[in-house]
Amino acid sequence: MLILTDIDKKILEEVQLDFPLSERPFEVIGKRIGISEKEIISRVTYLKEENIIRDISAIFKAGPLGYKSTLVAVKTDDSETAAERISGHPGVSHNYLREHMYNVWFTITIRKELDFETEISDLLGPQVKDFLILPSLKTYKIGVNFTFSEKKIRNSNKIVEELRSEVPIDEKLIVLLQQPFPLVPNPWKMIAESVNRTETNLIEDINGLKKSGALKRISAVLRHRNAGFTANGMACFKVPVERIDEAGQTISEFSEVSHCYQRPVYPDWQYNLFAMTHARSTEQCELIITRIAKQIKSDEYFTLYSIKEFKKERVKYFIGGH
C-alpha cells in the first residue's frame, strides 16, 4: 500500500469536497492547504495513477434525471457467471460477492419507466430465480468524506428530501460532466472549449443543475481500501417500523456511517435498516456497529463484508443507450 504523506492526506480531504467553480480551482484548493497550484495538480495526478483517487467527475441524483435505482441481493451457486452478467449492465455501479446465502449484491440504475422485476430477471437470466429487490424506502444519510487525522470520518452530507418532480435536463451537459475531470490549471475552460461553449456559460449551467437538485457536486471519490479504510461493512438491522425513523436518525449521527437506508422486507429477509460503515479494521468496524445496535436497541442484526469486488464505478447517465 502506498504510504501517504501529510500533504497527500490534506489533498485527499480537500478533493472530496465540491470543486470550486472558479477560473483556477486547483489554485483555490492549494491555498487552503498551503501549496502551489502546480504541486497540487502533480500530486492529484500521482494519486490517481496510484489508484488512491478513483475518479473525479460529477455526482448526480437519479430521480431528477428520470432514473431510479435499487439494491439487489442474489442467491446463486455460480457467483462468477452471475457477476459477469451483472457487471455488463451499464446501469450497474456496484457489484460484490458477500458471505451469505444471498451472496451477490449489486446496485442498478434504470429509467423510471422501466420495471425493476423485468429488468433484473432479464439481466440475471433463467438460471437465477432467487433474488431480492431492495430499493430505498427512506434515506437517512448518504455521503462521507474520509479524513486521515485522528479525527473521525467527516460527514459530507446529511440527507435532504429527494426532488419529487423532474427538471429540464440538458443531456449533453450531463454526459460532458461525467467525463474525467481535466487535471490542468483551467479545467472549466478546457471542458467548455471541448464543446464550443464559454467558461462563463458552462459555470452558469453547472450552478443551475445544482440549484435544481440534479447535481450533487463535482468531486473526487477515493478507492477507500487503498487509502487505508480496509473494513467496509454493510450492517443490516431489524427494527420495529414504529421506531425506524428514530433509529435511522440515530445512525445518521455516526460519522463512520456513509449511507443509511430503510429498505423493504421479505419472508426470508426481515432486516429493514441498512448502514454502510467504514473503519481501518474489521475489529474497529464491529465495535462501531455494536455501539450502533445498542443505541438503536436492535438485538437482531449482522454485518456483510465484501469478499470480492466485481465492479465499482459511478453511474453513467444518458450514455450507451442507458
Protein backbone atom coordinates (compact mmCIF):
# COMPACT_ATOMS: atom_id res chain seq x y z
CA MET A 1 0.00 0.00 0.00
CA LEU A 2 1.22 3.49 -0.88
CA ILE A 3 2.46 5.47 2.11
CA LEU A 4 0.60 8.78 2.05
CA THR A 5 2.44 11.94 3.02
CA ASP A 6 0.81 14.57 5.23
CA ILE A 7 0.30 16.72 2.12
CA ASP A 8 -1.30 13.79 0.28
CA LYS A 9 -3.75 13.33 3.14
CA LYS A 10 -4.70 17.01 3.12
CA ILE A 11 -5.17 16.91 -0.65
CA LEU A 12 -7.39 13.83 -0.43
CA GLU A 13 -9.57 15.50 2.18
CA GLU A 14 -9.97 18.63 0.04
CA VAL A 15 -10.69 17.00 -3.33
CA GLN A 16 -13.59 15.02 -1.84
CA LEU A 17 -15.35 18.38 -1.42
CA ASP A 18 -17.17 20.17 -4.24
CA PHE A 19 -14.62 21.57 -6.71
CA PRO A 20 -14.59 25.40 -6.72
CA LEU A 21 -16.36 26.95 -9.70
CA SER A 22 -13.56 29.44 -10.14
CA GLU A 23 -11.22 30.03 -13.06
CA ARG A 24 -8.38 28.15 -11.34
CA PRO A 25 -9.93 25.65 -8.89
CA PHE A 26 -6.67 23.85 -8.11
CA GLU A 27 -5.13 27.16 -7.11
CA VAL A 28 -8.02 27.72 -4.69
CA ILE A 29 -7.61 24.21 -3.21
CA GLY A 30 -3.84 24.70 -3.00
CA LYS A 31 -4.25 27.89 -0.99
CA ARG A 32 -6.39 26.01 1.54
CA ILE A 33 -3.57 23.55 2.05
CA GLY A 34 -0.62 25.90 1.64
CA ILE A 35 0.91 24.52 -1.57
CA SER A 36 1.16 25.73 -5.16
CA GLU A 37 -1.29 25.04 -7.95
CA LYS A 38 1.43 23.16 -9.87
CA GLU A 39 2.19 20.90 -6.89
CA ILE A 40 -1.42 20.02 -6.18
CA ILE A 41 -2.09 19.11 -9.82
CA SER A 42 1.04 16.96 -9.82
CA ARG A 43 0.07 15.18 -6.58
CA VAL A 44 -3.54 14.61 -7.67
CA THR A 45 -2.28 13.12 -10.95
CA TYR A 46 0.04 10.82 -8.99
CA LEU A 47 -2.70 9.78 -6.55
CA LYS A 48 -4.95 8.87 -9.49
CA GLU A 49 -2.16 6.86 -11.11
CA GLU A 50 -1.62 5.03 -7.81
CA ASN A 51 -5.36 4.18 -7.58
CA ILE A 52 -5.94 6.16 -4.41
CA ILE A 53 -8.27 8.57 -6.22
CA ARG A 54 -10.76 6.50 -8.21
CA ASP A 55 -12.46 9.26 -10.14
CA ILE A 56 -13.07 12.99 -10.30
CA SER A 57 -16.34 13.88 -12.00
CA ALA A 58 -19.94 14.91 -11.39
CA ILE A 59 -22.21 13.10 -8.94
CA PHE A 60 -25.89 13.30 -9.90
CA LYS A 61 -29.18 12.35 -8.28
CA ALA A 62 -31.03 9.69 -10.23
CA GLY A 63 -34.59 10.95 -9.67
CA PRO A 64 -34.36 14.41 -11.24
CA LEU A 65 -32.70 12.87 -14.32
CA GLY A 66 -35.58 10.46 -14.87
CA TYR A 67 -33.91 7.39 -13.37
CA LYS A 68 -34.46 5.14 -10.36
CA SER A 69 -32.12 2.77 -8.54
CA THR A 70 -32.22 -0.22 -6.21
CA LEU A 71 -30.01 -2.59 -4.30
CA VAL A 72 -30.40 -6.25 -5.35
CA ALA A 73 -29.41 -9.39 -3.42
CA VAL A 74 -28.94 -12.58 -5.44
CA LYS A 75 -28.73 -16.21 -4.34
CA THR A 76 -26.66 -18.21 -6.80
CA ASP A 77 -24.38 -21.25 -6.90
CA ASP A 78 -22.34 -19.74 -9.73
CA SER A 79 -21.40 -16.30 -8.45
CA GLU A 80 -18.69 -15.68 -11.06
CA THR A 81 -21.01 -16.24 -14.03
CA ALA A 82 -23.81 -14.22 -12.44
CA ALA A 83 -21.45 -11.39 -11.53
CA GLU A 84 -20.07 -11.24 -15.07
CA ARG A 85 -23.58 -10.85 -16.50
CA ILE A 86 -24.50 -8.26 -13.87
CA SER A 87 -21.36 -6.17 -14.32
CA GLY A 88 -22.00 -5.94 -18.05
CA HIS A 89 -25.13 -3.87 -17.50
CA PRO A 90 -24.35 -0.13 -17.98
CA GLY A 91 -26.65 0.78 -15.07
CA VAL A 92 -24.82 -1.40 -12.55
CA SER A 93 -22.44 0.70 -10.48
CA HIS A 94 -21.53 -1.62 -7.58
CA ASN A 95 -21.30 -5.41 -7.64
CA TYR A 96 -19.88 -7.51 -4.78
CA LEU A 97 -19.54 -11.07 -3.55
CA ARG A 98 -20.58 -11.34 0.12
CA GLU A 99 -20.63 -14.24 2.56
CA HIS A 100 -24.33 -15.00 2.91
CA MET A 101 -26.97 -17.22 1.30
CA TYR A 102 -27.67 -14.11 -0.79
CA ASN A 103 -24.12 -13.89 -2.00
CA VAL A 104 -24.07 -11.43 -4.92
CA TRP A 105 -25.13 -7.87 -4.14
CA PHE A 106 -25.36 -5.11 -6.71
CA THR A 107 -26.93 -1.71 -7.31
CA ILE A 108 -28.65 -0.94 -10.59
CA THR A 109 -30.00 2.31 -12.01
CA ILE A 110 -32.56 2.27 -14.81
CA ARG A 111 -35.01 4.65 -16.49
CA LYS A 112 -38.09 5.38 -14.38
CA GLU A 113 -40.47 3.95 -16.96
CA LEU A 114 -38.80 0.51 -16.81
CA ASP A 115 -39.80 -2.23 -14.38
CA PHE A 116 -37.23 -3.48 -11.86
CA GLU A 117 -38.57 -7.03 -11.77
CA THR A 118 -38.46 -7.41 -15.55
CA GLU A 119 -35.10 -5.70 -16.00
CA ILE A 120 -33.40 -7.69 -13.23
CA SER A 121 -34.92 -11.02 -14.30
CA ASP A 122 -33.70 -10.44 -17.85
CA LEU A 123 -30.28 -9.43 -16.57
CA LEU A 124 -29.83 -12.49 -14.34
CA GLY A 125 -31.22 -14.97 -16.86
CA PRO A 126 -33.43 -18.03 -16.30
CA GLN A 127 -30.79 -19.87 -14.24
CA VAL A 128 -31.12 -17.37 -11.35
CA LYS A 129 -34.58 -17.21 -9.83
CA ASP A 130 -33.96 -16.20 -6.20
CA PHE A 131 -33.26 -12.51 -5.68
CA LEU A 132 -34.48 -9.63 -3.53
CA ILE A 133 -35.22 -6.16 -4.86
CA LEU A 134 -34.32 -3.73 -2.06
CA PRO A 135 -34.95 -0.12 -3.10
CA SER A 136 -34.53 2.68 -0.61
CA LEU A 137 -37.88 3.41 1.04
CA LYS A 138 -36.34 6.22 3.03
CA THR A 139 -32.84 7.69 3.05
CA TYR A 140 -31.45 8.91 6.36
CA LYS A 141 -27.91 9.64 5.24
CA ILE A 142 -25.80 9.49 2.11
CA GLY A 143 -22.21 10.53 1.60
CA VAL A 144 -18.98 10.57 3.55
CA ASN A 145 -15.62 12.27 3.32
CA PHE A 146 -12.69 10.24 4.59
CA THR A 147 -10.19 12.05 6.80
CA PHE A 148 -6.69 10.91 7.62
CA SER A 149 -6.08 12.52 11.00
CA GLU A 150 -7.13 11.24 14.39
CA LYS A 151 -10.46 12.95 13.82
CA LYS A 152 -13.44 10.86 12.89
CA ILE A 153 -14.63 10.45 9.33
CA ARG A 154 -16.18 13.72 8.26
CA ASN A 155 -19.77 13.77 7.04
CA SER A 156 -20.22 15.16 3.55
CA ASN A 157 -23.96 15.38 3.62
CA LYS A 158 -26.96 14.66 5.71
CA ILE A 159 -29.89 13.65 3.64
CA VAL A 160 -32.18 16.22 2.12
CA GLU A 161 -35.59 15.40 0.70
CA GLU A 162 -35.39 13.99 -2.82
CA LEU A 163 -36.96 16.15 -5.50
CA ARG A 164 -40.33 14.72 -6.49
CA SER A 165 -40.57 16.36 -9.88
CA GLU A 166 -38.22 16.20 -12.82
CA VAL A 167 -36.42 19.30 -14.06
CA PRO A 168 -35.44 20.26 -17.62
CA ILE A 169 -32.21 18.42 -18.30
CA ASP A 170 -29.51 19.09 -20.89
CA GLU A 171 -28.42 15.50 -21.59
CA LYS A 172 -25.29 16.61 -23.45
CA LEU A 173 -24.20 18.63 -20.43
CA ILE A 174 -24.81 15.64 -18.13
CA VAL A 175 -22.66 13.43 -20.39
CA LEU A 176 -19.96 16.11 -20.54
CA LEU A 177 -19.72 16.45 -16.75
CA GLN A 178 -19.38 12.68 -16.34
CA GLN A 179 -16.10 12.68 -18.24
CA PRO A 180 -12.82 12.56 -16.24
CA PHE A 181 -12.01 15.97 -14.80
CA PRO A 182 -9.04 17.63 -16.57
CA LEU A 183 -6.03 17.96 -14.27
CA VAL A 184 -4.93 21.33 -15.67
CA PRO A 185 -4.86 24.89 -14.27
CA ASN A 186 -8.02 25.93 -16.20
CA PRO A 187 -10.22 22.80 -16.23
CA TRP A 188 -13.57 24.57 -16.65
CA LYS A 189 -12.23 26.44 -19.69
CA MET A 190 -10.92 23.18 -21.19
CA ILE A 191 -14.26 21.44 -20.62
CA ALA A 192 -16.19 24.36 -22.14
CA GLU A 193 -13.98 24.67 -25.20
CA SER A 194 -14.28 20.94 -25.91
CA VAL A 195 -17.95 21.54 -26.80
CA ASN A 196 -17.67 25.10 -28.15
CA ARG A 197 -19.08 26.77 -25.05
CA THR A 198 -17.75 29.62 -22.98
CA GLU A 199 -16.40 29.06 -19.48
CA THR A 200 -18.91 31.52 -18.06
CA ASN A 201 -21.82 29.75 -19.74
CA LEU A 202 -20.63 26.35 -18.50
CA ILE A 203 -20.34 27.53 -14.90
CA GLU A 204 -23.80 29.13 -15.07
CA ASP A 205 -25.26 25.84 -16.31
CA ILE A 206 -23.47 23.86 -13.59
CA ASN A 207 -24.88 26.20 -10.96
CA GLY A 208 -28.32 25.71 -12.50
CA LEU A 209 -28.01 21.94 -12.17
CA LYS A 210 -27.02 22.32 -8.53
CA LYS A 211 -29.97 24.60 -7.78
CA SER A 212 -32.34 22.16 -9.46
CA GLY A 213 -31.10 19.36 -7.20
CA ALA A 214 -29.97 17.20 -10.13
CA LEU A 215 -26.25 17.73 -9.46
CA LYS A 216 -24.90 16.94 -6.00
CA ARG A 217 -21.32 18.03 -6.57
CA ILE A 218 -18.22 17.60 -8.71
CA SER A 219 -15.58 15.91 -6.61
CA ALA A 220 -13.19 13.02 -6.15
CA VAL A 221 -14.15 9.56 -4.98
CA LEU A 222 -11.43 7.53 -3.29
CA ARG A 223 -10.63 3.87 -3.51
CA HIS A 224 -11.08 3.74 0.23
CA ARG A 225 -9.41 0.36 0.66
CA ASN A 226 -6.25 1.67 -1.00
CA ALA A 227 -6.47 4.77 1.17
CA GLY A 228 -6.41 2.68 4.35
CA PHE A 229 -10.12 2.21 5.10
CA THR A 230 -9.99 -1.54 4.59
CA ALA A 231 -13.06 -2.57 6.60
CA ASN A 232 -16.36 -1.64 4.98
CA GLY A 233 -19.33 -3.43 6.48
CA MET A 234 -22.96 -3.29 5.43
CA ALA A 235 -24.79 -3.59 8.75
CA CYS A 236 -28.34 -4.91 8.46
CA PHE A 237 -30.69 -4.28 11.40
CA LYS A 238 -34.20 -5.50 12.19
CA VAL A 239 -36.06 -2.55 13.70
CA PRO A 240 -39.79 -2.22 14.51
CA VAL A 241 -41.40 0.02 11.91
CA GLU A 242 -42.68 2.42 14.56
CA ARG A 243 -39.08 3.07 15.67
CA ILE A 244 -37.33 3.05 12.32
CA ASP A 245 -37.21 6.83 11.81
CA GLU A 246 -35.73 7.35 15.27
CA ALA A 247 -33.19 4.59 14.62
CA GLY A 248 -32.30 5.97 11.18
CA GLN A 249 -31.70 9.43 12.59
CA THR A 250 -29.53 7.98 15.36
CA ILE A 251 -27.43 6.02 12.87
CA SER A 252 -27.01 9.11 10.69
CA GLU A 253 -25.17 10.81 13.56
CA PHE A 254 -22.37 8.25 13.40
CA SER A 255 -19.55 9.80 11.39
CA GLU A 256 -18.28 6.35 10.38
CA VAL A 257 -21.57 5.62 8.57
CA SER A 258 -21.72 6.86 4.98
CA HIS A 259 -25.14 5.54 3.93
CA CYS A 260 -28.25 4.67 5.91
CA TYR A 261 -31.49 3.48 4.31
CA GLN A 262 -34.81 1.88 5.17
CA ARG A 263 -35.45 -0.99 2.74
CA PRO A 264 -38.35 -3.45 2.27
CA VAL A 265 -38.57 -6.84 3.97
CA TYR A 266 -39.41 -10.30 2.60
CA PRO A 267 -40.43 -13.60 4.23
CA ASP A 268 -36.80 -14.75 4.36
CA TRP A 269 -35.31 -11.25 4.80
CA GLN A 270 -36.57 -9.25 7.79
CA TYR A 271 -33.77 -6.67 8.00
CA ASN A 272 -35.18 -3.26 7.17
CA LEU A 273 -32.44 -0.77 8.14
CA PHE A 274 -29.05 -0.73 6.39
CA ALA A 275 -25.95 1.19 7.47
CA MET A 276 -22.73 1.24 5.43
CA THR A 277 -19.92 1.54 7.96
CA HIS A 278 -16.23 2.27 7.34
CA ALA A 279 -13.16 1.73 9.52
CA ARG A 280 -9.48 0.82 9.31
CA SER A 281 -10.02 -2.73 10.58
CA THR A 282 -12.80 -5.29 10.86
CA GLU A 283 -12.46 -5.20 14.65
CA GLN A 284 -12.96 -1.44 14.69
CA CYS A 285 -15.91 -1.74 12.31
CA GLU A 286 -17.56 -4.35 14.55
CA LEU A 287 -17.13 -2.15 17.61
CA ILE A 288 -18.85 0.72 15.81
CA ILE A 289 -21.74 -1.48 14.68
CA THR A 290 -22.13 -2.91 18.19
CA ARG A 291 -22.41 0.66 19.52
CA ILE A 292 -25.00 1.46 16.87
CA ALA A 293 -27.07 -1.62 17.72
CA LYS A 294 -27.01 -0.72 21.39
CA GLN A 295 -28.11 2.86 20.74
CA ILE A 296 -30.99 1.90 18.46
CA LYS A 297 -31.95 -1.04 20.71
CA SER A 298 -31.66 -3.68 17.99
CA ASP A 299 -30.87 -7.26 19.06
CA GLU A 300 -31.24 -8.71 15.56
CA TYR A 301 -28.53 -7.58 13.19
CA PHE A 302 -25.46 -8.77 11.32
CA THR A 303 -22.80 -7.32 9.04
CA LEU A 304 -21.97 -8.25 5.46
CA TYR A 305 -18.39 -7.71 4.32
CA SER A 306 -17.31 -7.86 0.70
CA ILE A 307 -15.27 -10.92 -0.23
CA LYS A 308 -14.72 -9.75 -3.80
CA GLU A 309 -15.39 -6.54 -5.72
CA PHE A 310 -16.62 -7.24 -9.23
CA LYS A 311 -17.45 -3.67 -10.19
CA LYS A 312 -17.43 -0.24 -8.59
CA GLU A 313 -17.91 2.97 -10.53
CA ARG A 314 -20.19 5.95 -10.79
CA VAL A 315 -23.44 5.54 -12.67
CA LYS A 316 -23.23 6.91 -16.19
CA TYR A 317 -26.45 8.63 -17.27
CA PHE A 318 -27.53 9.06 -20.91
CA ILE A 319 -24.54 7.03 -22.14
CA GLY A 320 -24.57 3.93 -24.35
CA GLY A 321 -28.35 3.74 -24.56
CA HIS A 322 -28.69 3.74 -20.77
